[in-house]
Amino acid sequence: MIESIVEERSIETNLNEQQKNFIAYFYKYGFVGIMLDWIEKGMDENYNEIVDDLEKTVHGTIDLSIKNFTDNKK
């Protein structure tokens, strides 16, 4: 899912596959880490609150990551 978002958002850029994969993997591992912590803590916390917090945290950041990679092309 994250990979498809990165792919869609980077259509008009010249990012290579390695850069796109890095961005997608960064967010994927953040999401997985939060879910594993939730599971480890007994899944007592309301998952809707976690999803809301995740959405607030990553809102616009994938686009910013793509822009940062594009602006800092080596």
Protein backbone atom coordinates (compact mmCIF):
# COMPACT_ATOMS: atom_id res chain seq x y z
CA MET A 1 0.00 0.00 0.00
CA ILE A 2 2.73 2.49 0.94
CA GLU A 3 4.75 1.57 -2.14
CA SER A 4 1.77 2.36 -4.38
CA ILE A 5 1.33 5.77 -2.71
CA VAL A 6 5.01 6.60 -3.23
CA GLU A 7 4.81 5.42 -6.82
CA GLU A 8 1.70 7.51 -7.50
CA ARG A 9 3.10 10.65 -5.83
CA SER A 10 6.45 10.43 -7.64
CA ILE A 11 5.12 10.04 -11.20
CA GLU A 12 6.33 13.42 -12.40
CA THR A 13 9.72 13.17 -10.70
CA ASN A 14 12.97 11.60 -11.72
CA LEU A 15 13.36 9.46 -8.60
CA ASN A 16 14.87 6.08 -9.25
CA GLU A 17 13.47 2.82 -7.88
CA GLN A 18 16.03 2.66 -5.07
CA GLN A 19 14.94 6.08 -3.79
CA LYS A 20 11.25 5.22 -4.06
CA ASN A 21 11.84 1.94 -2.23
CA PHE A 22 13.76 3.69 0.53
CA ILE A 23 10.90 6.12 1.17
CA ALA A 24 8.31 3.32 1.14
CA TYR A 25 10.39 1.08 3.43
CA PHE A 26 10.96 3.92 5.89
CA TYR A 27 7.24 4.44 6.37
CA LYS A 28 6.49 0.72 6.26
CA TYR A 29 8.87 -0.04 9.12
CA GLY A 30 7.50 2.86 11.16
CA PHE A 31 3.98 1.53 10.74
CA VAL A 32 5.01 -2.06 11.51
CA GLY A 33 6.92 -0.92 14.60
CA ILE A 34 3.90 0.89 15.98
CA MET A 35 1.68 -2.13 15.33
CA LEU A 36 4.15 -4.50 17.00
CA ASP A 37 4.31 -2.24 20.05
CA TRP A 38 0.50 -2.20 20.18
CA ILE A 39 0.40 -6.00 20.02
CA GLU A 40 3.15 -6.35 22.63
CA LYS A 41 1.20 -4.08 25.00
CA GLY A 42 -1.82 -6.41 24.76
CA MET A 43 -3.79 -4.52 22.08
CA ASP A 44 -5.63 -2.62 24.83
CA GLU A 45 -5.14 0.84 23.31
CA ASN A 46 -7.92 1.92 20.98
CA TYR A 47 -6.63 1.21 17.47
CA ASN A 48 -8.73 4.08 16.09
CA GLU A 49 -6.64 6.51 18.16
CA ILE A 50 -3.45 4.91 16.84
CA VAL A 51 -4.66 5.27 13.26
CA ASP A 52 -5.61 8.91 13.89
CA ASP A 53 -2.17 9.62 15.38
CA LEU A 54 -0.46 7.87 12.47
CA GLU A 55 -2.45 9.91 9.98
CA LYS A 56 -1.51 13.15 11.73
CA THR A 57 2.14 12.11 11.85
CA VAL A 58 2.57 11.15 8.21
CA HIS A 59 0.17 13.65 6.60
CA GLY A 60 2.13 15.26 3.79
CA THR A 61 5.44 13.70 4.76
CA ILE A 62 5.63 11.27 1.85
CA ASP A 63 5.31 14.18 -0.55
CA LEU A 64 7.96 16.05 1.43
CA SER A 65 10.30 13.04 1.31
CA ILE A 66 9.87 12.83 -2.47
CA LYS A 67 10.54 16.56 -2.77
CA ASN A 68 13.65 16.28 -0.57
CA PHE A 69 15.03 13.45 -2.70
CA THR A 70 14.22 15.38 -5.89
CA ASP A 71 15.75 18.64 -4.64
CA ASN A 72 18.93 16.94 -3.42
CA LYS A 73 19.64 14.89 -6.53
CA LYS A 74 23.30 13.83 -6.65
